[in-house]
Amino acid sequence: MKFGFVLPKGDARIAAEFALQAEQSGWDGFFVWEPVWGIDAWICLTAAAMVTERIKLGTMLTPLSRMRPWKLASETATLDNLSRGRVILSVGLGAVNTGFEDFGEITDRKTRAELLDEGLEILTNLWTGKPFLHAGKHYQVKITEKTFQPPPSPIQKPRIPVWVVGAWPSTKSMNRVLHYDGLLPAVLGEDGKVRLDMITPDEINEMKQFINASHDQATPFDIIMEGQTPGDDPQKAGTIVSSYRDVGVTWWIEALWEMQETEAVLTRIKQGPPPVE
């Protein structure tokens, strides 16, 4: 199991300082959130890349439905080259209550799902550095050998790892995940909306069984769990994450979204990831 840390708040300078501390404290990944309007995620990760050497760098998460796929392809490929192959891209529909309506972004769930699917296809094709055509409902892309002058492709092969939100038990949502490199699990309640409470190990196990039955096991695949552990109680922290590791979770992401005090966040980073045997 690997361990990541999400920065709940902070500018690019703080991102660089905290990413360095996270690397020194034994964390495997450092993540930032991508707002509709606010501190830019990719500038923060670029700053973090300049002061670190090992730690993975990514978003948690990128709402691709409201972004131009070619712009995101440029940002991610550029950062992957700068960081020497350390980028992880997490994508999903995004939470509409984070400012979508304020800026006229599309809020309809079905349309955002369509944009996400098309965006991922365009993004991953652009990473290859080869000409391609895309004739979709929302995007039209025509890249020919005569007009295409591609920038350097990502260092990571076959591509930058893409983690995708899968809403269990939606078959359509889970099938989208199977085309990529990792599951960011969510569970739908009886009302059809994503539940906000903690996903249980048993629910993760159900999703794992679905993935095992359908995914090409020859390629690496991650299952990512987001949660909180007490940094001042290593034994309890280890017990929490071990229950998820035992059902197939490969990444634990420490997400202290409610912790807005900078020093408290830094203290948790310094305490290091939960110990597991």
C-alpha atoms as a PDB file:
ATOM      1  CA  MET A   1       0.000   0.000   0.000  1.00  0.00           C
ATOM      2  CA  LYS A   2       1.138   3.524  -0.831  1.00  0.00           C
ATOM      3  CA  PHE A   3       0.186   6.717   0.977  1.00  0.00           C
ATOM      4  CA  GLY A   4      -0.714  10.155  -0.341  1.00  0.00           C
ATOM      5  CA  PHE A   5      -1.597  13.456   1.291  1.00  0.00           C
ATOM      6  CA  VAL A   6      -4.058  16.065   0.001  1.00  0.00           C
ATOM      7  CA  LEU A   7      -3.302  19.713   0.686  1.00  0.00           C
ATOM      8  CA  PRO A   8      -6.659  21.150   1.841  1.00  0.00           C
ATOM      9  CA  LYS A   9      -5.636  24.783   1.496  1.00  0.00           C
ATOM     10  CA  GLY A  10      -2.627  26.810   0.418  1.00  0.00           C
ATOM     11  CA  ASP A  11      -0.926  28.656  -2.422  1.00  0.00           C
ATOM     12  CA  ALA A  12       1.881  27.447  -4.682  1.00  0.00           C
ATOM     13  CA  ARG A  13       4.592  28.374  -2.173  1.00  0.00           C
ATOM     14  CA  ILE A  14       2.896  26.359   0.567  1.00  0.00           C
ATOM     15  CA  ALA A  15       2.380  23.482  -1.871  1.00  0.00           C
ATOM     16  CA  ALA A  16       6.112  23.393  -2.587  1.00  0.00           C
ATOM     17  CA  GLU A  17       7.079  23.573   1.085  1.00  0.00           C
ATOM     18  CA  PHE A  18       4.565  20.937   2.187  1.00  0.00           C
ATOM     19  CA  ALA A  19       5.332  18.590  -0.718  1.00  0.00           C
ATOM     20  CA  LEU A  20       9.000  18.629   0.249  1.00  0.00           C
ATOM     21  CA  GLN A  21       8.084  17.898   3.856  1.00  0.00           C
ATOM     22  CA  ALA A  22       5.757  15.113   2.743  1.00  0.00           C
ATOM     23  CA  GLU A  23       8.552  13.532   0.722  1.00  0.00           C
ATOM     24  CA  GLN A  24      10.930  13.768   3.668  1.00  0.00           C
ATOM     25  CA  SER A  25       8.291  12.294   6.007  1.00  0.00           C
ATOM     26  CA  GLY A  26       7.749   9.171   3.937  1.00  0.00           C
ATOM     27  CA  TRP A  27       4.581   9.938   1.975  1.00  0.00           C
ATOM     28  CA  ASP A  28       4.388   8.493  -1.562  1.00  0.00           C
ATOM     29  CA  GLY A  29       2.118  11.102  -3.140  1.00  0.00           C
ATOM     30  CA  PHE A  30       1.164  14.753  -2.770  1.00  0.00           C
ATOM     31  CA  PHE A  31      -2.157  15.979  -4.149  1.00  0.00           C
ATOM     32  CA  VAL A  32      -4.014  19.277  -4.522  1.00  0.00           C
ATOM     33  CA  TRP A  33      -7.623  20.010  -5.413  1.00  0.00           C
ATOM     34  CA  GLU A  34      -8.614  21.759  -8.629  1.00  0.00           C
ATOM     35  CA  PRO A  35     -11.180  24.528  -8.025  1.00  0.00           C
ATOM     36  CA  VAL A  36     -13.425  26.204 -10.584  1.00  0.00           C
ATOM     37  CA  TRP A  37     -11.772  29.464  -9.582  1.00  0.00           C
ATOM     38  CA  GLY A  38      -8.967  29.826  -7.081  1.00  0.00           C
ATOM     39  CA  ILE A  39      -5.383  28.718  -6.539  1.00  0.00           C
ATOM     40  CA  ASP A  40      -4.288  26.960  -9.737  1.00  0.00           C
ATOM     41  CA  ALA A  41      -3.631  23.250  -9.195  1.00  0.00           C
ATOM     42  CA  TRP A  42      -1.050  22.794 -11.940  1.00  0.00           C
ATOM     43  CA  ILE A  43       1.030  25.784 -10.876  1.00  0.00           C
ATOM     44  CA  CYS A  44       1.015  24.391  -7.322  1.00  0.00           C
ATOM     45  CA  LEU A  45       2.156  20.983  -8.567  1.00  0.00           C
ATOM     46  CA  THR A  46       4.819  22.572 -10.743  1.00  0.00           C
ATOM     47  CA  ALA A  47       6.186  24.400  -7.724  1.00  0.00           C
ATOM     48  CA  ALA A  48       6.148  21.111  -5.796  1.00  0.00           C
ATOM     49  CA  ALA A  49       7.954  19.320  -8.631  1.00  0.00           C
ATOM     50  CA  MET A  50      10.824  21.825  -8.541  1.00  0.00           C
ATOM     51  CA  VAL A  51      11.747  21.023  -4.928  1.00  0.00           C
ATOM     52  CA  THR A  52      11.071  17.258  -4.786  1.00  0.00           C
ATOM     53  CA  GLU A  53      12.591  14.202  -6.435  1.00  0.00           C
ATOM     54  CA  ARG A  54      10.564  11.109  -5.570  1.00  0.00           C
ATOM     55  CA  ILE A  55       7.028  11.862  -4.481  1.00  0.00           C
ATOM     56  CA  LYS A  56       4.136  11.455  -6.944  1.00  0.00           C
ATOM     57  CA  LEU A  57       2.204  14.624  -7.787  1.00  0.00           C
ATOM     58  CA  GLY A  58      -1.461  14.838  -8.715  1.00  0.00           C
ATOM     59  CA  THR A  59      -4.917  16.305  -8.401  1.00  0.00           C
ATOM     60  CA  MET A  60      -7.730  15.130  -6.170  1.00  0.00           C
ATOM     61  CA  LEU A  61      -9.568  15.652  -8.373  1.00  0.00           C
ATOM     62  CA  THR A  62      -9.856  17.252 -11.834  1.00  0.00           C
ATOM     63  CA  PRO A  63     -13.452  17.825 -13.107  1.00  0.00           C
ATOM     64  CA  LEU A  64     -12.642  17.178 -16.754  1.00  0.00           C
ATOM     65  CA  SER A  65     -16.183  17.924 -17.954  1.00  0.00           C
ATOM     66  CA  ARG A  66     -15.613  21.670 -17.532  1.00  0.00           C
ATOM     67  CA  MET A  67     -12.100  21.748 -19.024  1.00  0.00           C
ATOM     68  CA  ARG A  68     -10.602  21.805 -22.516  1.00  0.00           C
ATOM     69  CA  PRO A  69      -8.993  18.368 -22.892  1.00  0.00           C
ATOM     70  CA  TRP A  70      -6.136  19.745 -25.034  1.00  0.00           C
ATOM     71  CA  LYS A  71      -5.240  22.297 -22.364  1.00  0.00           C
ATOM     72  CA  LEU A  72      -5.173  19.590 -19.701  1.00  0.00           C
ATOM     73  CA  ALA A  73      -3.115  17.354 -21.999  1.00  0.00           C
ATOM     74  CA  SER A  74      -0.572  20.165 -22.355  1.00  0.00           C
ATOM     75  CA  GLU A  75      -0.386  20.800 -18.597  1.00  0.00           C
ATOM     76  CA  THR A  76      -0.079  17.162 -17.578  1.00  0.00           C
ATOM     77  CA  ALA A  77       2.469  16.209 -20.237  1.00  0.00           C
ATOM     78  CA  THR A  78       4.575  19.272 -19.473  1.00  0.00           C
ATOM     79  CA  LEU A  79       4.572  18.511 -15.748  1.00  0.00           C
ATOM     80  CA  ASP A  80       5.298  14.825 -16.305  1.00  0.00           C
ATOM     81  CA  ASN A  81       8.421  15.797 -18.237  1.00  0.00           C
ATOM     82  CA  LEU A  82       9.446  18.404 -15.680  1.00  0.00           C
ATOM     83  CA  SER A  83       8.997  15.972 -12.772  1.00  0.00           C
ATOM     84  CA  ARG A  84      10.625  13.080 -14.644  1.00  0.00           C
ATOM     85  CA  GLY A  85       7.509  10.953 -14.685  1.00  0.00           C
ATOM     86  CA  ARG A  86       5.723  11.613 -11.392  1.00  0.00           C
ATOM     87  CA  VAL A  87       2.244  12.823 -12.413  1.00  0.00           C
ATOM     88  CA  ILE A  88      -1.047  11.139 -11.501  1.00  0.00           C
ATOM     89  CA  LEU A  89      -4.301  12.493 -12.936  1.00  0.00           C
ATOM     90  CA  SER A  90      -7.525  11.926 -10.976  1.00  0.00           C
ATOM     91  CA  VAL A  91     -10.759  12.716 -12.827  1.00  0.00           C
ATOM     92  CA  GLY A  92     -14.477  12.723 -12.185  1.00  0.00           C
ATOM     93  CA  LEU A  93     -17.628  14.725 -12.808  1.00  0.00           C
ATOM     94  CA  GLY A  94     -16.774  17.113  -9.984  1.00  0.00           C
ATOM     95  CA  ALA A  95     -19.033  18.607  -7.346  1.00  0.00           C
ATOM     96  CA  VAL A  96     -21.403  21.176  -8.855  1.00  0.00           C
ATOM     97  CA  ASN A  97     -21.664  23.019  -5.523  1.00  0.00           C
ATOM     98  CA  THR A  98     -18.050  24.204  -5.867  1.00  0.00           C
ATOM     99  CA  GLY A  99     -18.968  27.041  -8.213  1.00  0.00           C
ATOM    100  CA  PHE A 100     -20.224  25.432 -11.422  1.00  0.00           C
ATOM    101  CA  GLU A 101     -23.405  27.531 -11.603  1.00  0.00           C
ATOM    102  CA  ASP A 102     -21.602  30.744 -10.630  1.00  0.00           C
ATOM    103  CA  PHE A 103     -19.518  30.574 -13.799  1.00  0.00           C
ATOM    104  CA  GLY A 104     -22.112  29.087 -16.133  1.00  0.00           C
ATOM    105  CA  GLU A 105     -20.558  25.617 -16.172  1.00  0.00           C
ATOM    106  CA  ILE A 106     -22.702  22.665 -17.222  1.00  0.00           C
ATOM    107  CA  THR A 107     -24.404  21.037 -14.245  1.00  0.00           C
ATOM    108  CA  ASP A 108     -26.492  18.334 -15.935  1.00  0.00           C
ATOM    109  CA  ARG A 109     -25.034  14.998 -14.820  1.00  0.00           C
ATOM    110  CA  LYS A 110     -25.616  13.125 -18.098  1.00  0.00           C
ATOM    111  CA  THR A 111     -23.980  15.866 -20.167  1.00  0.00           C
ATOM    112  CA  ARG A 112     -21.011  16.050 -17.809  1.00  0.00           C
ATOM    113  CA  ALA A 113     -20.580  12.289 -18.114  1.00  0.00           C
ATOM    114  CA  GLU A 114     -20.541  12.599 -21.904  1.00  0.00           C
ATOM    115  CA  LEU A 115     -17.951  15.378 -21.709  1.00  0.00           C
ATOM    116  CA  LEU A 116     -15.848  13.305 -19.326  1.00  0.00           C
ATOM    117  CA  ASP A 117     -15.819  10.312 -21.670  1.00  0.00           C
ATOM    118  CA  GLU A 118     -14.950  12.377 -24.725  1.00  0.00           C
ATOM    119  CA  GLY A 119     -12.402  14.402 -22.792  1.00  0.00           C
ATOM    120  CA  LEU A 120     -10.576  11.276 -21.641  1.00  0.00           C
ATOM    121  CA  GLU A 121     -10.447   9.905 -25.183  1.00  0.00           C
ATOM    122  CA  ILE A 122      -8.998  13.158 -26.537  1.00  0.00           C
ATOM    123  CA  LEU A 123      -6.587  13.575 -23.641  1.00  0.00           C
ATOM    124  CA  THR A 124      -5.090  10.102 -23.925  1.00  0.00           C
ATOM    125  CA  ASN A 125      -4.811  10.355 -27.703  1.00  0.00           C
ATOM    126  CA  LEU A 126      -2.968  13.674 -27.470  1.00  0.00           C
ATOM    127  CA  TRP A 127      -0.500  12.135 -25.026  1.00  0.00           C
ATOM    128  CA  THR A 128       0.568   9.635 -27.712  1.00  0.00           C
ATOM    129  CA  GLY A 129       1.893  12.430 -29.914  1.00  0.00           C
ATOM    130  CA  LYS A 130       0.230  10.886 -32.968  1.00  0.00           C
ATOM    131  CA  PRO A 131      -2.377  12.314 -35.369  1.00  0.00           C
ATOM    132  CA  PHE A 132      -5.991  11.287 -34.715  1.00  0.00           C
ATOM    133  CA  LEU A 133      -9.590  12.188 -35.420  1.00  0.00           C
ATOM    134  CA  HIS A 134     -12.362  12.597 -32.878  1.00  0.00           C
ATOM    135  CA  ALA A 135     -15.938  13.177 -34.028  1.00  0.00           C
ATOM    136  CA  GLY A 136     -18.033  13.292 -30.895  1.00  0.00           C
ATOM    137  CA  LYS A 137     -21.225  14.887 -29.694  1.00  0.00           C
ATOM    138  CA  HIS A 138     -19.389  17.686 -27.892  1.00  0.00           C
ATOM    139  CA  TYR A 139     -15.895  17.831 -29.420  1.00  0.00           C
ATOM    140  CA  GLN A 140     -14.544  17.734 -32.945  1.00  0.00           C
ATOM    141  CA  VAL A 141     -10.788  17.210 -33.208  1.00  0.00           C
ATOM    142  CA  LYS A 142      -8.882  16.745 -36.457  1.00  0.00           C
ATOM    143  CA  ILE A 143      -5.154  16.299 -36.064  1.00  0.00           C
ATOM    144  CA  THR A 144      -3.276  15.406 -39.251  1.00  0.00           C
ATOM    145  CA  GLU A 145       0.392  14.779 -39.932  1.00  0.00           C
ATOM    146  CA  LYS A 146       0.591  17.999 -41.947  1.00  0.00           C
ATOM    147  CA  THR A 147      -0.745  20.232 -39.178  1.00  0.00           C
ATOM    148  CA  PHE A 148       0.357  18.360 -36.041  1.00  0.00           C
ATOM    149  CA  GLN A 149       3.504  19.515 -34.289  1.00  0.00           C
ATOM    150  CA  PRO A 150       3.236  17.675 -30.973  1.00  0.00           C
ATOM    151  CA  PRO A 151       5.038  18.717 -27.814  1.00  0.00           C
ATOM    152  CA  PRO A 152       7.005  16.028 -25.933  1.00  0.00           C
ATOM    153  CA  SER A 153       4.798  13.148 -24.816  1.00  0.00           C
ATOM    154  CA  PRO A 154       4.627  12.229 -21.129  1.00  0.00           C
ATOM    155  CA  ILE A 155       7.608  10.309 -19.794  1.00  0.00           C
ATOM    156  CA  GLN A 156       5.389   7.633 -18.230  1.00  0.00           C
ATOM    157  CA  LYS A 157       4.400   4.790 -20.529  1.00  0.00           C
ATOM    158  CA  PRO A 158       1.976   3.740 -21.750  1.00  0.00           C
ATOM    159  CA  ARG A 159       0.566   6.975 -20.290  1.00  0.00           C
ATOM    160  CA  ILE A 160       0.226   9.104 -17.196  1.00  0.00           C
ATOM    161  CA  PRO A 161      -1.832   7.026 -14.720  1.00  0.00           C
ATOM    162  CA  VAL A 162      -5.485   8.087 -14.806  1.00  0.00           C
ATOM    163  CA  TRP A 163      -7.615   7.446 -11.722  1.00  0.00           C
ATOM    164  CA  VAL A 164     -11.371   7.689 -12.366  1.00  0.00           C
ATOM    165  CA  VAL A 165     -14.317   8.017  -9.995  1.00  0.00           C
ATOM    166  CA  GLY A 166     -16.545   4.959 -10.083  1.00  0.00           C
ATOM    167  CA  ALA A 167     -19.991   5.227  -8.497  1.00  0.00           C
ATOM    168  CA  TRP A 168     -21.045   1.816  -7.217  1.00  0.00           C
ATOM    169  CA  PRO A 169     -23.282   0.033  -8.201  1.00  0.00           C
ATOM    170  CA  SER A 170     -23.684   2.010 -11.454  1.00  0.00           C
ATOM    171  CA  THR A 171     -22.461  -0.322 -14.192  1.00  0.00           C
ATOM    172  CA  LYS A 172     -21.931   2.545 -16.613  1.00  0.00           C
ATOM    173  CA  SER A 173     -19.783   4.460 -14.144  1.00  0.00           C
ATOM    174  CA  MET A 174     -17.765   1.384 -13.163  1.00  0.00           C
ATOM    175  CA  ASN A 175     -17.234   0.367 -16.787  1.00  0.00           C
ATOM    176  CA  ARG A 176     -15.680   3.779 -17.470  1.00  0.00           C
ATOM    177  CA  VAL A 177     -13.132   3.082 -14.751  1.00  0.00           C
ATOM    178  CA  LEU A 178     -12.081  -0.194 -16.370  1.00  0.00           C
ATOM    179  CA  HIS A 179     -10.611   1.644 -19.356  1.00  0.00           C
ATOM    180  CA  TYR A 180      -8.088   3.454 -17.171  1.00  0.00           C
ATOM    181  CA  ASP A 181      -5.647   2.897 -14.331  1.00  0.00           C
ATOM    182  CA  GLY A 182      -7.362   3.300 -10.989  1.00  0.00           C
ATOM    183  CA  LEU A 183     -10.673   3.444  -9.123  1.00  0.00           C
ATOM    184  CA  LEU A 184     -11.665   6.381  -6.942  1.00  0.00           C
ATOM    185  CA  PRO A 185     -14.610   4.684  -5.216  1.00  0.00           C
ATOM    186  CA  ALA A 186     -17.959   6.299  -4.518  1.00  0.00           C
ATOM    187  CA  VAL A 187     -21.228   4.673  -3.450  1.00  0.00           C
ATOM    188  CA  LEU A 188     -24.692   5.728  -4.547  1.00  0.00           C
ATOM    189  CA  GLY A 189     -27.434   5.927  -1.939  1.00  0.00           C
ATOM    190  CA  GLU A 190     -31.060   4.920  -2.414  1.00  0.00           C
ATOM    191  CA  ASP A 191     -31.778   8.426  -3.720  1.00  0.00           C
ATOM    192  CA  GLY A 192     -29.279   7.941  -6.557  1.00  0.00           C
ATOM    193  CA  LYS A 193     -26.861  10.511  -5.141  1.00  0.00           C
ATOM    194  CA  VAL A 194     -23.322   9.861  -3.962  1.00  0.00           C
ATOM    195  CA  ARG A 195     -23.232   8.998  -0.278  1.00  0.00           C
ATOM    196  CA  LEU A 196     -21.110  11.265   1.886  1.00  0.00           C
ATOM    197  CA  ASP A 197     -20.327   8.795   4.652  1.00  0.00           C
ATOM    198  CA  MET A 198     -17.231   6.586   4.714  1.00  0.00           C
ATOM    199  CA  ILE A 199     -17.146   3.695   2.267  1.00  0.00           C
ATOM    200  CA  THR A 200     -16.736   0.399   4.092  1.00  0.00           C
ATOM    201  CA  PRO A 201     -14.166  -2.332   3.396  1.00  0.00           C
ATOM    202  CA  ASP A 202     -17.038  -4.665   2.414  1.00  0.00           C
ATOM    203  CA  GLU A 203     -18.188  -2.185  -0.238  1.00  0.00           C
ATOM    204  CA  ILE A 204     -14.630  -1.859  -1.533  1.00  0.00           C
ATOM    205  CA  ASN A 205     -14.487  -5.645  -1.740  1.00  0.00           C
ATOM    206  CA  GLU A 206     -17.640  -5.695  -3.892  1.00  0.00           C
ATOM    207  CA  MET A 207     -16.092  -3.187  -6.285  1.00  0.00           C
ATOM    208  CA  LYS A 208     -12.859  -5.163  -6.321  1.00  0.00           C
ATOM    209  CA  GLN A 209     -14.731  -8.297  -7.368  1.00  0.00           C
ATOM    210  CA  PHE A 210     -16.375  -6.377 -10.222  1.00  0.00           C
ATOM    211  CA  ILE A 211     -12.977  -5.121 -11.365  1.00  0.00           C
ATOM    212  CA  ASN A 212     -11.372  -8.564 -11.145  1.00  0.00           C
ATOM    213  CA  ALA A 213     -14.101  -9.998 -13.348  1.00  0.00           C
ATOM    214  CA  SER A 214     -13.721  -7.394 -16.064  1.00  0.00           C
ATOM    215  CA  HIS A 215     -10.300  -5.717 -16.026  1.00  0.00           C
ATOM    216  CA  ASP A 216      -7.246  -6.917 -17.916  1.00  0.00           C
ATOM    217  CA  GLN A 217      -5.134  -8.085 -15.017  1.00  0.00           C
ATOM    218  CA  ALA A 218      -1.974  -7.888 -17.147  1.00  0.00           C
ATOM    219  CA  THR A 219      -1.914  -4.123 -16.616  1.00  0.00           C
ATOM    220  CA  PRO A 220      -1.461  -2.374 -13.250  1.00  0.00           C
ATOM    221  CA  PHE A 221      -4.623  -1.104 -11.572  1.00  0.00           C
ATOM    222  CA  ASP A 222      -4.967   0.884  -8.351  1.00  0.00           C
ATOM    223  CA  ILE A 223      -7.827   1.194  -5.892  1.00  0.00           C
ATOM    224  CA  ILE A 224      -7.647   4.436  -3.957  1.00  0.00           C
ATOM    225  CA  MET A 225      -9.268   5.130  -0.606  1.00  0.00           C
ATOM    226  CA  GLU A 226      -9.608   8.603   0.842  1.00  0.00           C
ATOM    227  CA  GLY A 227      -9.952   9.099   4.586  1.00  0.00           C
ATOM    228  CA  GLN A 228      -8.403  10.310   7.823  1.00  0.00           C
ATOM    229  CA  THR A 229      -6.144   8.659  10.359  1.00  0.00           C
ATOM    230  CA  PRO A 230      -4.843   9.943  13.722  1.00  0.00           C
ATOM    231  CA  GLY A 231      -1.198  10.893  13.302  1.00  0.00           C
ATOM    232  CA  ASP A 232      -0.676  10.813  17.070  1.00  0.00           C
ATOM    233  CA  ASP A 233      -1.950   7.226  17.373  1.00  0.00           C
ATOM    234  CA  PRO A 234       0.039   5.065  14.924  1.00  0.00           C
ATOM    235  CA  GLN A 235      -1.503   1.813  16.130  1.00  0.00           C
ATOM    236  CA  LYS A 236      -5.054   3.019  15.511  1.00  0.00           C
ATOM    237  CA  ALA A 237      -4.037   4.557  12.174  1.00  0.00           C
ATOM    238  CA  GLY A 238      -2.463   1.282  11.093  1.00  0.00           C
ATOM    239  CA  THR A 239      -5.568  -0.656  12.039  1.00  0.00           C
ATOM    240  CA  ILE A 240      -7.781   1.647   9.959  1.00  0.00           C
ATOM    241  CA  VAL A 241      -5.751   1.405   6.773  1.00  0.00           C
ATOM    242  CA  SER A 242      -5.008  -2.303   7.146  1.00  0.00           C
ATOM    243  CA  SER A 243      -8.719  -3.124   6.915  1.00  0.00           C
ATOM    244  CA  TYR A 244      -8.765  -1.459   3.481  1.00  0.00           C
ATOM    245  CA  ARG A 245      -5.451  -2.902   2.333  1.00  0.00           C
ATOM    246  CA  ASP A 246      -6.794  -6.368   3.073  1.00  0.00           C
ATOM    247  CA  VAL A 247      -9.632  -5.908   0.548  1.00  0.00           C
ATOM    248  CA  GLY A 248      -7.413  -4.608  -2.249  1.00  0.00           C
ATOM    249  CA  VAL A 249      -6.873  -0.891  -1.670  1.00  0.00           C
ATOM    250  CA  THR A 250      -3.437   0.053  -3.031  1.00  0.00           C
ATOM    251  CA  TRP A 251      -3.364   3.772  -2.146  1.00  0.00           C
ATOM    252  CA  TRP A 252      -4.546   5.469   1.039  1.00  0.00           C
ATOM    253  CA  ILE A 253      -5.036   9.231   0.581  1.00  0.00           C
ATOM    254  CA  GLU A 254      -5.004  11.236   3.803  1.00  0.00           C
ATOM    255  CA  ALA A 255      -7.630  13.919   3.232  1.00  0.00           C
ATOM    256  CA  LEU A 256      -8.107  16.479   5.997  1.00  0.00           C
ATOM    257  CA  TRP A 257     -10.580  18.667   4.131  1.00  0.00           C
ATOM    258  CA  GLU A 258     -11.927  20.319   7.271  1.00  0.00           C
ATOM    259  CA  MET A 259      -8.470  21.146   8.632  1.00  0.00           C
ATOM    260  CA  GLN A 260      -7.785  24.695   7.466  1.00  0.00           C
ATOM    261  CA  GLU A 261      -5.046  25.639   9.948  1.00  0.00           C
ATOM    262  CA  THR A 262      -1.735  25.540   8.100  1.00  0.00           C
ATOM    263  CA  GLU A 263       0.359  24.484  11.070  1.00  0.00           C
ATOM    264  CA  ALA A 264      -2.016  21.648  11.935  1.00  0.00           C
ATOM    265  CA  VAL A 265      -1.798  20.335   8.373  1.00  0.00           C
ATOM    266  CA  LEU A 266       1.993  20.526   8.480  1.00  0.00           C
ATOM    267  CA  THR A 267       2.039  18.688  11.798  1.00  0.00           C
ATOM    268  CA  ARG A 268       0.016  15.821  10.304  1.00  0.00           C
ATOM    269  CA  ILE A 269       2.364  15.627   7.316  1.00  0.00           C
ATOM    270  CA  LYS A 270       5.392  15.427   9.597  1.00  0.00           C
ATOM    271  CA  GLN A 271       3.792  12.594  11.569  1.00  0.00           C
ATOM    272  CA  GLY A 272       4.058  10.518   8.427  1.00  0.00           C
ATOM    273  CA  PRO A 273       1.816   7.896   6.855  1.00  0.00           C
ATOM    274  CA  PRO A 274       0.065   5.205   8.892  1.00  0.00           C
ATOM    275  CA  PRO A 275       2.249   2.176   9.639  1.00  0.00           C
ATOM    276  CA  VAL A 276       1.183  -1.143   8.099  1.00  0.00           C
ATOM    277  CA  GLU A 277       2.817  -4.524   8.503  1.00  0.00           C
END
